[in-house]
Protein backbone atom coordinates (compact mmCIF):
# COMPACT_ATOMS: atom_id res chain seq x y z
CA UNK A 1 118.96 79.45 98.54
CA UNK A 2 119.85 78.48 95.01
CA UNK A 3 118.66 80.16 91.84
CA UNK A 4 116.52 77.09 91.22
CA UNK A 5 114.08 78.11 93.97
CA UNK A 6 110.58 78.43 92.55
CA UNK A 7 109.84 82.16 92.77
CA UNK A 8 106.26 81.55 91.63
CA UNK A 9 105.25 79.56 94.73
CA UNK A 10 105.38 80.22 98.45
CA UNK A 11 107.17 77.75 100.73
CA UNK A 12 104.88 76.32 103.41
CA UNK A 13 107.10 77.27 106.35
CA UNK A 14 107.50 81.00 105.75
CA UNK A 15 107.79 83.10 108.91
CA UNK A 16 104.72 85.26 109.44
CA UNK A 17 105.42 89.00 109.76
CA UNK A 18 103.93 90.80 112.75
CA UNK A 19 102.44 94.27 112.95
CA UNK A 20 105.25 96.37 114.39
CA UNK A 21 103.24 99.60 114.12
CA UNK A 22 105.49 100.92 111.33
CA UNK A 23 102.47 101.85 109.18
CA UNK A 24 100.16 103.22 111.88
CA UNK A 25 100.75 106.79 110.67
CA UNK A 26 99.71 106.15 107.06
CA UNK A 27 95.89 106.17 107.19
CA UNK A 28 94.85 109.71 106.29
CA UNK A 29 98.35 110.56 105.03
CA UNK A 30 98.45 112.92 102.04
CA UNK A 31 100.75 111.53 99.35
CA UNK A 32 103.69 113.71 98.36
CA UNK A 33 103.51 115.54 95.05
CA UNK A 34 106.23 113.60 93.22
CA UNK A 35 106.51 111.50 90.11
CA UNK A 36 107.90 107.98 89.88
CA UNK A 37 109.10 106.26 86.71
CA UNK A 38 106.83 103.45 85.54
CA UNK A 39 107.54 100.33 83.53
CA UNK A 40 105.49 101.95 80.75
CA UNK A 41 108.17 104.64 80.42
CA UNK A 42 106.00 107.41 81.86
CA UNK A 43 106.15 109.36 85.09
CA UNK A 44 103.29 108.69 87.51
CA UNK A 45 102.32 111.05 90.32
CA UNK A 46 100.19 108.95 92.68
CA UNK A 47 99.00 112.10 94.50
CA UNK A 48 97.35 113.38 91.32
CA UNK A 49 95.52 110.28 90.09
CA UNK A 50 91.76 110.77 89.73
CA UNK A 51 90.77 107.14 90.33
CA UNK A 52 90.83 105.12 93.51
CA UNK A 53 94.26 103.55 93.43
CA UNK A 54 95.73 100.38 94.89
CA UNK A 55 99.49 100.65 95.45
CA UNK A 56 101.06 97.42 96.58
CA UNK A 57 104.58 98.01 97.84
CA UNK A 58 106.82 94.95 97.80
CA UNK A 59 110.47 94.20 98.55
CA UNK A 60 111.61 92.88 95.16
CA UNK A 61 110.57 90.44 92.48
CA UNK A 62 112.84 87.50 91.93
CA UNK A 63 114.20 86.36 88.60
CA UNK A 64 114.41 82.71 87.55
CA UNK A 65 118.05 83.18 86.51
CA UNK A 66 119.22 84.75 89.79
CA UNK A 67 119.70 83.47 93.31
CA UNK A 68 117.45 84.82 96.03
CA UNK A 69 119.02 87.25 98.52
CA UNK A 70 120.78 85.81 101.57
CA UNK A 71 118.39 83.93 103.89
CA UNK A 72 115.44 85.42 101.95
CA UNK A 73 112.94 82.81 103.13
CA UNK A 74 113.87 83.47 106.79
CA UNK A 75 113.04 87.21 106.63
CA UNK A 76 109.39 87.64 107.73
CA UNK A 77 107.40 89.12 104.84
CA UNK A 78 110.23 89.08 102.29
CA UNK A 79 109.30 86.10 100.12
CA UNK A 80 106.27 86.26 97.84
CA UNK A 81 106.60 89.31 95.59
CA UNK A 82 106.12 87.33 92.40
CA UNK A 83 103.02 85.45 93.69
CA UNK A 84 101.64 88.78 94.98
CA UNK A 85 102.14 90.47 91.59
CA UNK A 86 100.60 87.48 89.79
CA UNK A 87 97.56 87.64 92.09
CA UNK A 88 97.04 91.32 91.28
CA UNK A 89 97.41 90.40 87.60
CA UNK A 90 94.86 87.60 87.92
CA UNK A 91 92.38 89.86 89.77
CA UNK A 92 93.03 92.95 87.67
CA UNK A 93 89.67 92.92 85.88
CA UNK A 94 87.83 92.61 89.21
CA UNK A 95 89.77 95.57 90.58
CA UNK A 96 88.99 97.59 87.47
CA UNK A 97 85.32 96.67 87.98
CA UNK A 98 85.59 98.20 91.45
CA UNK A 99 86.97 101.40 89.86
CA UNK A 100 90.47 100.89 91.21
CA UNK A 101 93.70 101.43 89.31
CA UNK A 102 96.62 99.21 90.32
CA UNK A 103 100.32 99.96 90.69
CA UNK A 104 103.14 97.90 92.13
CA UNK A 105 105.99 99.81 93.78
CA UNK A 106 109.47 98.70 94.80
CA UNK A 107 112.98 100.08 95.15
CA UNK A 108 114.19 98.13 92.13
CA UNK A 109 115.18 100.17 89.09
CA UNK A 110 112.84 100.50 86.12
CA UNK A 111 114.85 98.22 83.84
CA UNK A 112 114.68 95.40 86.40
CA UNK A 113 110.95 96.00 86.87
CA UNK A 114 110.33 96.05 83.10
CA UNK A 115 111.74 92.53 82.82
CA UNK A 116 109.42 91.37 85.60
CA UNK A 117 106.36 93.14 84.15
CA UNK A 118 106.99 91.55 80.76
CA UNK A 119 107.77 88.06 82.10
CA UNK A 120 104.75 88.08 84.43
CA UNK A 121 102.40 89.65 81.83
CA UNK A 122 101.33 92.40 84.23
CA UNK A 123 98.49 94.56 82.82
CA UNK A 124 99.41 97.45 85.14
CA UNK A 125 102.62 99.43 85.66
CA UNK A 126 105.27 98.93 88.29
CA UNK A 127 106.79 102.08 89.80
CA UNK A 128 110.42 102.50 90.76
CA UNK A 129 111.47 104.25 93.95
CA UNK A 130 115.12 103.33 93.48
CA UNK A 131 116.21 106.56 95.18
CA UNK A 132 113.88 105.93 98.16
CA UNK A 133 112.39 109.42 97.85
CA UNK A 134 108.76 108.25 98.03
CA UNK A 135 109.63 105.64 100.67
CA UNK A 136 111.25 108.25 102.91
CA UNK A 137 108.49 110.83 102.35
CA UNK A 138 105.87 108.32 103.55
CA UNK A 139 108.20 106.81 106.18
CA UNK A 140 107.46 103.36 104.78
CA UNK A 141 109.04 100.49 106.70
CA UNK A 142 112.17 99.05 105.11
CA UNK A 143 114.77 96.37 105.71
CA UNK A 144 118.25 95.77 104.35
CA UNK A 145 119.64 92.59 102.84
CA UNK A 146 122.75 92.07 100.69
CA UNK A 147 123.30 95.85 100.63
CA UNK A 148 119.81 96.56 99.25
CA UNK A 149 117.27 98.71 101.11
CA UNK A 150 113.86 97.18 100.41
CA UNK A 151 110.32 98.18 101.34
CA UNK A 152 108.45 95.87 103.67
CA UNK A 153 105.28 94.59 102.05
CA UNK A 154 102.42 97.08 102.51
CA UNK A 155 99.38 97.86 100.36
CA UNK A 156 97.81 101.31 100.24
CA UNK A 157 94.38 102.31 98.99
CA UNK A 158 94.50 105.92 97.85
CA UNK A 159 91.65 108.29 96.99
CA UNK A 160 92.22 111.88 95.88
CA UNK A 161 95.84 111.66 96.98
CA UNK A 162 94.97 110.49 100.52
CA UNK A 163 95.64 107.03 101.91
CA UNK A 164 92.27 105.69 103.06
CA UNK A 165 93.25 102.10 103.90
CA UNK A 166 96.50 100.34 104.78
CA UNK A 167 97.11 96.59 104.62
CA UNK A 168 100.11 95.81 106.84
CA UNK A 169 101.57 93.37 107.39
CA UNK A 170 100.55 91.59 104.20
CA UNK A 171 100.51 87.83 104.64
CA UNK A 172 100.22 85.59 102.80
CA UNK A 173 101.21 87.81 99.88
CA UNK A 174 99.36 85.74 97.28
CA UNK A 175 96.08 86.55 99.09
CA UNK A 176 96.63 90.32 99.15
CA UNK A 177 94.66 91.05 95.96
CA UNK A 178 91.67 89.02 97.19
CA UNK A 179 91.77 90.84 100.54
CA UNK A 180 91.86 94.21 98.76
CA UNK A 181 88.89 93.19 96.58
CA UNK A 182 86.97 92.09 99.67
CA UNK A 183 87.61 95.45 101.35
CA UNK A 184 86.76 97.49 98.23
CA UNK A 185 83.55 95.50 97.74
CA UNK A 186 82.35 96.55 101.19
CA UNK A 187 82.87 100.28 100.57
């Protein structure tokens, strides 16, 4: 795939990910007491946040000036991080109205994420788990492409440090924020 691929839109023929059971253990899971660097330059400990928190974990945001990873569109659930982030941006006020903080989380480093947060005008921080410490502690599902270990797309709703709802697999990614809002509205 060339660098001219439109990272802001989803191709119509994306393969649909299936539920492989890799997140079955997460509901009721107590988050580890650890801090992750945010795009705001602060450390965030998701286990200690007082608000209901939405953490959408995604493989990686693309950049308009870079080619997509090898066969990216053929990997079920890989494509769509930018549309997913933009949907959470567009629904941010609604989520705030439902008393939910929002964080994106990926294995990309903070500098890479800061570029994405700025370019996409995200009103919430992205968290870096570049060392995979959080990912391993939660046993989040991952995949490897072009030498990168990336988190499969999963969204967690956390209250008082405990995961109360898991969205997995997430498809289509641009509908994830609306699905989260629908679930939160029924609570």
